[in-house]
Every structure is written in structure tokens, then in C-alpha cells.
Amino acid sequence: MKLAFESNLQYQHDPIKLIPALFEGHPLENSDYSMNANEKGEQSFIWH
């Protein structure tokens, strides 16, 4: 399955802008890992 995002469609931008509000008021915590993604979309997990 391939998901397509078209940057000129406002109805796709609106939900993206709301995502930070989901986490508002939650305390920040340290994590045992982090995730990185490069320009090719490859992801890696790093355990600390």
C-alpha cells in the first residue's frame, strides 16, 4: 500500500496541525531508545 500526500490539499494539512495538541499537558519523559529516519525513509532505532 502506498500513501499519497498532496501538499496543496487543506484537508490533509488540518489534521497534521492538530497532532501536537494530542500531547499537550503530558509530561516529558526520558526514553531508552530513539528513532531516526534518513532522506530515503529508512528508519533506525538506537538503544541508549
Protein backbone atom coordinates (compact mmCIF):
# COMPACT_ATOMS: atom_id res chain seq x y z
CA MET A 1 0.00 0.00 0.00
CA LYS A 2 1.32 3.43 -0.86
CA LEU A 3 0.03 6.52 0.92
CA ALA A 4 -0.01 9.75 -1.06
CA PHE A 5 0.21 13.22 0.42
CA GLU A 6 -0.58 16.18 -1.77
CA SER A 7 0.72 19.38 -0.24
CA ASN A 8 -1.92 21.58 -1.86
CA LEU A 9 -4.93 19.93 -0.13
CA GLN A 10 -6.02 21.81 3.00
CA TYR A 11 -7.99 18.85 4.38
CA GLN A 12 -4.69 16.95 4.62
CA HIS A 13 -2.91 19.82 6.37
CA ASP A 14 -5.57 20.42 9.02
CA PRO A 15 -5.21 17.07 10.87
CA ILE A 16 -1.41 17.31 10.77
CA LYS A 17 -1.55 20.68 12.51
CA LEU A 18 -3.67 19.14 15.30
CA ILE A 19 -1.24 16.34 16.22
CA PRO A 20 0.82 18.39 18.75
CA ALA A 21 -2.40 19.16 20.67
CA LEU A 22 -2.76 15.43 21.41
CA PHE A 23 0.34 15.60 23.60
CA GLU A 24 -0.36 18.95 25.24
CA GLY A 25 -0.19 18.75 29.03
CA HIS A 26 1.60 15.39 29.14
CA PRO A 27 4.93 15.37 30.98
CA LEU A 28 8.12 14.77 29.04
CA GLU A 29 9.93 11.57 29.93
CA ASN A 30 13.30 10.11 29.04
CA SER A 31 13.28 7.09 26.80
CA ASP A 32 15.56 4.09 26.49
CA TYR A 33 15.64 4.45 22.72
CA SER A 34 15.37 6.95 19.90
CA MET A 35 14.28 6.62 16.29
CA ASN A 36 15.87 8.25 13.27
CA ALA A 37 14.83 8.37 9.62
CA ASN A 38 17.06 9.37 6.74
CA GLU A 39 16.14 11.09 3.49
CA LYS A 40 15.43 7.71 1.86
CA GLY A 41 12.81 6.93 4.51
CA GLU A 42 14.94 4.25 6.15
CA GLN A 43 14.40 4.07 9.88
CA SER A 44 16.75 3.03 12.64
CA PHE A 45 16.30 2.53 16.36
CA ILE A 46 19.07 3.41 18.81
CA TRP A 47 19.07 1.93 22.31
CA HIS A 48 20.69 4.13 24.97
